[in-house]
Amino acid sequence: MTVITTYIAHQPALAQPHLKTIYAVLKVALPQATEKISYGMPTFWQGQAVVYFGANKQHLGFYPTPAPIAAFADQLKGYRTSKGAIQFPYAEPLPTALITAIAQWRLAQLP
C-alpha cells in the first residue's frame, strides 16, 4: 500500500470511488511525481506540491492551486470553485479528461 491508498481505505464508502478514480488519473497524468500526504491530504509532489485532493462529506475536493482554476474557468463553470479548490460532487462522474488537463497544466507551470 502507498500513503495515498491507505488514506483512501480510511475514507467513507461514498467517497472511495471518486478517490480511487482521481488517484488513478493523477498517477497517469503525473508519472514522475512523488506521492505523499500533506496538510492531511493526498498530494502529488514534484519539487513542490502539484495538486492535492481529499474526501469531503458530499464532494471530492481537488486543489490544484489558484492559477489553474483561473486558466480553466470556462471548463469549470458547472462546478463549485473557490480560489484554490474545485468541488466534484459524488453524485456526478468525475471529469477525468479535465482533471488530467489541469494537473498537466499545473505541472508545466512549475519553475
N, C-alpha and C. Protein backbone atom coordinates (compact mmCIF):
# COMPACT_ATOMS: atom_id res chain seq x y z
N MET A 1 0.85 -1.19 0.00
CA MET A 1 0.00 0.00 0.00
C MET A 1 0.89 1.25 0.00
N THR A 2 0.35 2.30 -0.59
CA THR A 2 1.03 3.59 -0.56
C THR A 2 0.35 4.47 0.48
N VAL A 3 0.94 5.62 0.76
CA VAL A 3 0.30 6.53 1.71
C VAL A 3 -1.06 6.98 1.19
N ILE A 4 -1.19 7.10 -0.13
CA ILE A 4 -2.48 7.54 -0.69
C ILE A 4 -3.51 6.42 -0.66
N THR A 5 -3.13 5.20 -0.97
CA THR A 5 -4.11 4.11 -0.91
C THR A 5 -4.54 3.87 0.54
N THR A 6 -3.64 4.07 1.48
CA THR A 6 -4.01 3.96 2.90
C THR A 6 -5.02 5.05 3.26
N TYR A 7 -4.78 6.27 2.80
CA TYR A 7 -5.73 7.36 3.03
C TYR A 7 -7.10 6.99 2.47
N ILE A 8 -7.12 6.53 1.22
CA ILE A 8 -8.39 6.18 0.57
C ILE A 8 -9.12 5.09 1.35
N ALA A 9 -8.39 4.09 1.80
CA ALA A 9 -9.00 2.97 2.52
C ALA A 9 -9.69 3.41 3.81
N HIS A 10 -9.25 4.54 4.37
CA HIS A 10 -9.82 5.02 5.63
C HIS A 10 -10.94 6.04 5.44
N GLN A 11 -11.34 6.27 4.22
CA GLN A 11 -12.41 7.24 3.95
C GLN A 11 -13.76 6.54 3.84
N PRO A 12 -14.86 7.30 3.98
CA PRO A 12 -16.20 6.70 3.87
C PRO A 12 -16.42 6.04 2.51
N ALA A 13 -17.26 5.02 2.50
CA ALA A 13 -17.55 4.27 1.27
C ALA A 13 -18.06 5.18 0.15
N LEU A 14 -18.84 6.19 0.48
CA LEU A 14 -19.36 7.12 -0.52
C LEU A 14 -18.24 7.82 -1.29
N ALA A 15 -17.15 8.12 -0.62
CA ALA A 15 -16.04 8.87 -1.23
C ALA A 15 -15.08 7.98 -2.01
N GLN A 16 -15.00 6.72 -1.68
CA GLN A 16 -13.95 5.88 -2.23
C GLN A 16 -13.94 5.74 -3.75
N PRO A 17 -15.07 5.60 -4.44
CA PRO A 17 -14.98 5.50 -5.91
C PRO A 17 -14.32 6.73 -6.55
N HIS A 18 -14.70 7.92 -6.13
CA HIS A 18 -14.09 9.13 -6.68
C HIS A 18 -12.61 9.22 -6.30
N LEU A 19 -12.30 8.88 -5.05
CA LEU A 19 -10.90 8.92 -4.62
C LEU A 19 -10.04 7.96 -5.43
N LYS A 20 -10.54 6.76 -5.64
CA LYS A 20 -9.78 5.78 -6.42
C LYS A 20 -9.61 6.23 -7.86
N THR A 21 -10.64 6.83 -8.42
CA THR A 21 -10.57 7.30 -9.80
C THR A 21 -9.57 8.44 -9.95
N ILE A 22 -9.66 9.44 -9.09
CA ILE A 22 -8.75 10.58 -9.23
C ILE A 22 -7.31 10.14 -8.98
N TYR A 23 -7.12 9.22 -8.06
CA TYR A 23 -5.78 8.71 -7.80
C TYR A 23 -5.20 8.04 -9.06
N ALA A 24 -5.99 7.20 -9.70
CA ALA A 24 -5.54 6.53 -10.92
C ALA A 24 -5.26 7.54 -12.04
N VAL A 25 -6.12 8.53 -12.18
CA VAL A 25 -5.94 9.55 -13.21
C VAL A 25 -4.66 10.33 -12.97
N LEU A 26 -4.43 10.74 -11.74
CA LEU A 26 -3.25 11.55 -11.43
C LEU A 26 -1.95 10.75 -11.54
N LYS A 27 -2.00 9.47 -11.24
CA LYS A 27 -0.80 8.64 -11.40
C LYS A 27 -0.36 8.61 -12.86
N VAL A 28 -1.32 8.58 -13.78
CA VAL A 28 -1.00 8.58 -15.21
C VAL A 28 -0.60 9.99 -15.66
N ALA A 29 -1.33 11.00 -15.20
CA ALA A 29 -1.07 12.38 -15.63
C ALA A 29 0.26 12.92 -15.11
N LEU A 30 0.67 12.44 -13.94
CA LEU A 30 1.89 12.95 -13.29
C LEU A 30 2.82 11.79 -12.94
N PRO A 31 3.33 11.07 -13.93
CA PRO A 31 4.07 9.84 -13.66
C PRO A 31 5.38 10.02 -12.89
N GLN A 32 5.97 11.20 -12.93
CA GLN A 32 7.23 11.43 -12.23
C GLN A 32 7.04 11.96 -10.81
N ALA A 33 5.81 12.25 -10.44
CA ALA A 33 5.53 12.85 -9.14
C ALA A 33 5.65 11.83 -8.01
N THR A 34 6.04 12.33 -6.87
CA THR A 34 6.10 11.55 -5.63
C THR A 34 4.74 11.68 -4.94
N GLU A 35 4.29 10.59 -4.35
CA GLU A 35 3.02 10.60 -3.63
C GLU A 35 3.30 10.81 -2.15
N LYS A 36 2.57 11.73 -1.56
CA LYS A 36 2.72 11.97 -0.13
C LYS A 36 1.41 12.50 0.45
N ILE A 37 1.38 12.61 1.75
CA ILE A 37 0.27 13.25 2.45
C ILE A 37 0.80 14.60 2.94
N SER A 38 0.10 15.66 2.59
CA SER A 38 0.48 17.00 3.01
C SER A 38 -0.80 17.73 3.40
N TYR A 39 -0.75 18.43 4.51
CA TYR A 39 -1.95 19.09 5.03
C TYR A 39 -3.09 18.09 5.22
N GLY A 40 -2.75 16.83 5.49
CA GLY A 40 -3.74 15.79 5.72
C GLY A 40 -4.41 15.27 4.47
N MET A 41 -3.88 15.64 3.28
CA MET A 41 -4.50 15.24 2.01
C MET A 41 -3.49 14.55 1.11
N PRO A 42 -3.96 13.64 0.27
CA PRO A 42 -3.08 13.07 -0.75
C PRO A 42 -2.53 14.20 -1.65
N THR A 43 -1.25 14.11 -1.92
CA THR A 43 -0.55 15.14 -2.68
C THR A 43 0.36 14.50 -3.69
N PHE A 44 0.37 15.05 -4.89
CA PHE A 44 1.36 14.66 -5.89
C PHE A 44 2.40 15.77 -5.91
N TRP A 45 3.65 15.39 -5.66
CA TRP A 45 4.74 16.32 -5.40
C TRP A 45 5.83 16.15 -6.46
N GLN A 46 6.26 17.26 -7.01
CA GLN A 46 7.37 17.21 -7.96
C GLN A 46 8.21 18.47 -7.75
N GLY A 47 9.06 18.44 -6.71
CA GLY A 47 9.82 19.61 -6.33
C GLY A 47 9.00 20.54 -5.44
N GLN A 48 7.71 20.50 -5.60
CA GLN A 48 6.73 21.19 -4.78
C GLN A 48 5.38 20.51 -5.03
N ALA A 49 4.39 20.89 -4.27
CA ALA A 49 3.07 20.28 -4.47
C ALA A 49 2.55 20.66 -5.85
N VAL A 50 2.13 19.65 -6.60
CA VAL A 50 1.50 19.89 -7.90
C VAL A 50 0.00 20.02 -7.68
N VAL A 51 -0.61 19.00 -7.09
CA VAL A 51 -2.04 19.02 -6.78
C VAL A 51 -2.29 18.24 -5.49
N TYR A 52 -3.37 18.58 -4.84
CA TYR A 52 -3.87 17.86 -3.67
C TYR A 52 -5.30 17.42 -3.99
N PHE A 53 -5.77 16.41 -3.25
CA PHE A 53 -7.19 16.07 -3.32
C PHE A 53 -7.60 15.48 -1.99
N GLY A 54 -8.89 15.46 -1.73
CA GLY A 54 -9.34 14.92 -0.45
C GLY A 54 -10.84 14.69 -0.41
N ALA A 55 -11.22 13.80 0.50
CA ALA A 55 -12.63 13.47 0.69
C ALA A 55 -13.30 14.53 1.56
N ASN A 56 -14.48 14.92 1.16
CA ASN A 56 -15.35 15.79 1.94
C ASN A 56 -16.69 15.08 2.07
N LYS A 57 -17.61 15.67 2.81
CA LYS A 57 -18.86 14.98 3.09
C LYS A 57 -19.65 14.63 1.83
N GLN A 58 -19.83 15.57 0.91
CA GLN A 58 -20.65 15.35 -0.27
C GLN A 58 -19.89 15.51 -1.59
N HIS A 59 -18.60 15.79 -1.51
CA HIS A 59 -17.84 16.01 -2.73
C HIS A 59 -16.36 15.65 -2.53
N LEU A 60 -15.71 15.47 -3.66
CA LEU A 60 -14.27 15.31 -3.69
C LEU A 60 -13.68 16.70 -3.88
N GLY A 61 -12.77 17.08 -3.01
CA GLY A 61 -12.08 18.35 -3.16
C GLY A 61 -10.82 18.14 -3.98
N PHE A 62 -10.62 18.95 -4.99
CA PHE A 62 -9.43 18.91 -5.83
C PHE A 62 -8.77 20.28 -5.71
N TYR A 63 -7.51 20.30 -5.34
CA TYR A 63 -6.81 21.53 -5.01
C TYR A 63 -5.57 21.69 -5.88
N PRO A 64 -5.73 22.28 -7.06
CA PRO A 64 -4.60 22.44 -7.97
C PRO A 64 -3.88 23.79 -7.81
N THR A 65 -4.23 24.58 -6.82
CA THR A 65 -3.78 25.96 -6.58
C THR A 65 -4.60 26.92 -7.45
N PRO A 66 -4.51 28.22 -7.19
CA PRO A 66 -5.39 29.18 -7.88
C PRO A 66 -5.18 29.33 -9.39
N ALA A 67 -3.96 29.31 -9.88
CA ALA A 67 -3.71 29.61 -11.30
C ALA A 67 -4.46 28.68 -12.26
N PRO A 68 -4.46 27.36 -12.05
CA PRO A 68 -5.21 26.50 -12.98
C PRO A 68 -6.72 26.74 -12.92
N ILE A 69 -7.22 27.11 -11.77
CA ILE A 69 -8.66 27.36 -11.66
C ILE A 69 -9.02 28.57 -12.52
N ALA A 70 -8.18 29.58 -12.51
CA ALA A 70 -8.40 30.75 -13.38
C ALA A 70 -8.24 30.37 -14.85
N ALA A 71 -7.21 29.59 -15.16
CA ALA A 71 -6.94 29.21 -16.55
C ALA A 71 -8.03 28.33 -17.15
N PHE A 72 -8.68 27.52 -16.33
CA PHE A 72 -9.71 26.59 -16.80
C PHE A 72 -11.12 27.04 -16.39
N ALA A 73 -11.28 28.31 -16.13
CA ALA A 73 -12.55 28.83 -15.61
C ALA A 73 -13.74 28.46 -16.50
N ASP A 74 -13.58 28.52 -17.81
CA ASP A 74 -14.70 28.19 -18.70
C ASP A 74 -15.13 26.74 -18.57
N GLN A 75 -14.16 25.81 -18.47
CA GLN A 75 -14.47 24.39 -18.35
C GLN A 75 -15.00 24.04 -16.95
N LEU A 76 -14.77 24.91 -15.98
CA LEU A 76 -15.19 24.63 -14.60
C LEU A 76 -16.51 25.29 -14.22
N LYS A 77 -17.19 25.89 -15.17
CA LYS A 77 -18.43 26.62 -14.86
C LYS A 77 -19.50 25.76 -14.20
N GLY A 78 -19.53 24.48 -14.46
CA GLY A 78 -20.54 23.61 -13.87
C GLY A 78 -20.19 23.11 -12.47
N TYR A 79 -19.07 23.56 -11.92
CA TYR A 79 -18.61 23.08 -10.61
C TYR A 79 -18.44 24.26 -9.66
N ARG A 80 -18.60 23.98 -8.39
CA ARG A 80 -18.33 24.99 -7.37
C ARG A 80 -16.81 25.09 -7.22
N THR A 81 -16.31 26.32 -7.28
CA THR A 81 -14.88 26.56 -7.12
C THR A 81 -14.66 27.68 -6.12
N SER A 82 -13.45 27.73 -5.62
CA SER A 82 -13.00 28.85 -4.80
C SER A 82 -11.61 29.20 -5.30
N LYS A 83 -10.92 30.04 -4.60
CA LYS A 83 -9.61 30.49 -5.07
C LYS A 83 -8.67 29.32 -5.43
N GLY A 84 -8.65 28.28 -4.62
CA GLY A 84 -7.71 27.19 -4.87
C GLY A 84 -8.33 25.81 -4.92
N ALA A 85 -9.67 25.73 -4.95
CA ALA A 85 -10.33 24.44 -4.84
C ALA A 85 -11.44 24.27 -5.87
N ILE A 86 -11.64 23.00 -6.23
CA ILE A 86 -12.75 22.61 -7.09
C ILE A 86 -13.50 21.51 -6.37
N GLN A 87 -14.83 21.58 -6.38
CA GLN A 87 -15.65 20.55 -5.76
C GLN A 87 -16.28 19.68 -6.83
N PHE A 88 -16.02 18.36 -6.75
CA PHE A 88 -16.64 17.40 -7.65
C PHE A 88 -17.62 16.56 -6.84
N PRO A 89 -18.93 16.77 -7.01
CA PRO A 89 -19.94 16.04 -6.23
C PRO A 89 -19.84 14.52 -6.46
N TYR A 90 -20.04 13.77 -5.41
CA TYR A 90 -20.01 12.31 -5.51
C TYR A 90 -21.14 11.79 -6.40
N ALA A 91 -22.21 12.55 -6.51
CA ALA A 91 -23.36 12.11 -7.30
C ALA A 91 -23.13 12.23 -8.81
N GLU A 92 -22.02 12.83 -9.22
CA GLU A 92 -21.72 13.01 -10.65
C GLU A 92 -20.40 12.31 -10.98
N PRO A 93 -20.26 11.84 -12.22
CA PRO A 93 -18.99 11.23 -12.61
C PRO A 93 -17.88 12.28 -12.63
N LEU A 94 -16.68 11.84 -12.34
CA LEU A 94 -15.53 12.75 -12.39
C LEU A 94 -15.18 13.11 -13.83
N PRO A 95 -14.85 14.38 -14.08
CA PRO A 95 -14.40 14.78 -15.41
C PRO A 95 -12.90 14.46 -15.57
N THR A 96 -12.61 13.21 -15.85
CA THR A 96 -11.22 12.77 -15.82
C THR A 96 -10.33 13.48 -16.83
N ALA A 97 -10.84 13.78 -18.01
CA ALA A 97 -10.02 14.50 -19.00
C ALA A 97 -9.69 15.90 -18.50
N LEU A 98 -10.63 16.54 -17.85
CA LEU A 98 -10.40 17.88 -17.31
C LEU A 98 -9.39 17.82 -16.17
N ILE A 99 -9.51 16.84 -15.29
CA ILE A 99 -8.56 16.68 -14.19
C ILE A 99 -7.15 16.47 -14.75
N THR A 100 -7.03 15.63 -15.76
CA THR A 100 -5.73 15.40 -16.39
C THR A 100 -5.17 16.69 -16.96
N ALA A 101 -5.99 17.43 -17.69
CA ALA A 101 -5.53 18.68 -18.30
C ALA A 101 -5.08 19.69 -17.24
N ILE A 102 -5.83 19.81 -16.17
CA ILE A 102 -5.48 20.74 -15.10
C ILE A 102 -4.16 20.32 -14.45
N ALA A 103 -4.02 19.05 -14.13
CA ALA A 103 -2.80 18.57 -13.47
C ALA A 103 -1.57 18.77 -14.36
N GLN A 104 -1.70 18.48 -15.64
CA GLN A 104 -0.56 18.64 -16.54
C GLN A 104 -0.26 20.12 -16.79
N TRP A 105 -1.27 20.95 -16.86
CA TRP A 105 -1.06 22.39 -16.99
C TRP A 105 -0.31 22.91 -15.78
N ARG A 106 -0.76 22.50 -14.60
CA ARG A 106 -0.12 22.93 -13.34
C ARG A 106 1.34 22.50 -13.32
N LEU A 107 1.62 21.27 -13.70
CA LEU A 107 2.99 20.77 -13.72
C LEU A 107 3.85 21.61 -14.67
N ALA A 108 3.32 21.95 -15.83
CA ALA A 108 4.07 22.74 -16.81
C ALA A 108 4.40 24.14 -16.31
N GLN A 109 3.64 24.64 -15.34
CA GLN A 109 3.86 25.98 -14.80
C GLN A 109 4.90 26.03 -13.69
N LEU A 110 5.31 24.87 -13.19
CA LEU A 110 6.27 24.85 -12.08
C LEU A 110 7.64 25.33 -12.55
N PRO A 111 8.34 26.03 -11.66
CA PRO A 111 9.69 26.52 -12.03
C PRO A 111 10.67 25.38 -12.23
